[in-house]
Amino acid sequence: MAFIIADISLVDPRALGKSLTVVVTVELDRERLDLVDDFKRAMRAAREVTQCYMVTGDADFVLVVAVEEVEAFDVFVKTKLYTNQNVRKFKSMITFGPREIRALLLI
């Protein structure tokens, strides 16, 4: 059994001009498997989405979106969320302060 599943490098999004990080919760209208898979594919193809999690609770998905500025997030919302007929609603939270990344799993 392999314990290490990937060896990765983390690049500071600010070094790429992505100074704004937004956490977005998304609620889908319908949860049919084909529609959920369509949403996953769309988020995988969206260059702004750095992380996408299918979750339990009030939301169906949590996205981490990295963009240059608020206007770029507005474009993301209009082109990726408002145009998706299976997105019932979403909430966005703009992050503040330094990023803290901990890629640890304590055993």
Foldseek 3Di string as FASTA:
>chain_A
DDDDDDDDDDDDVVVVLQPWKKKKFWAWQDDDPVLVVVLVVLLVPDPQWPDWDQDDDPGRIITIGTHNDPVVVVVCCVPRPVVRPGTPDMDMDIDDDDDDDDPDDDD
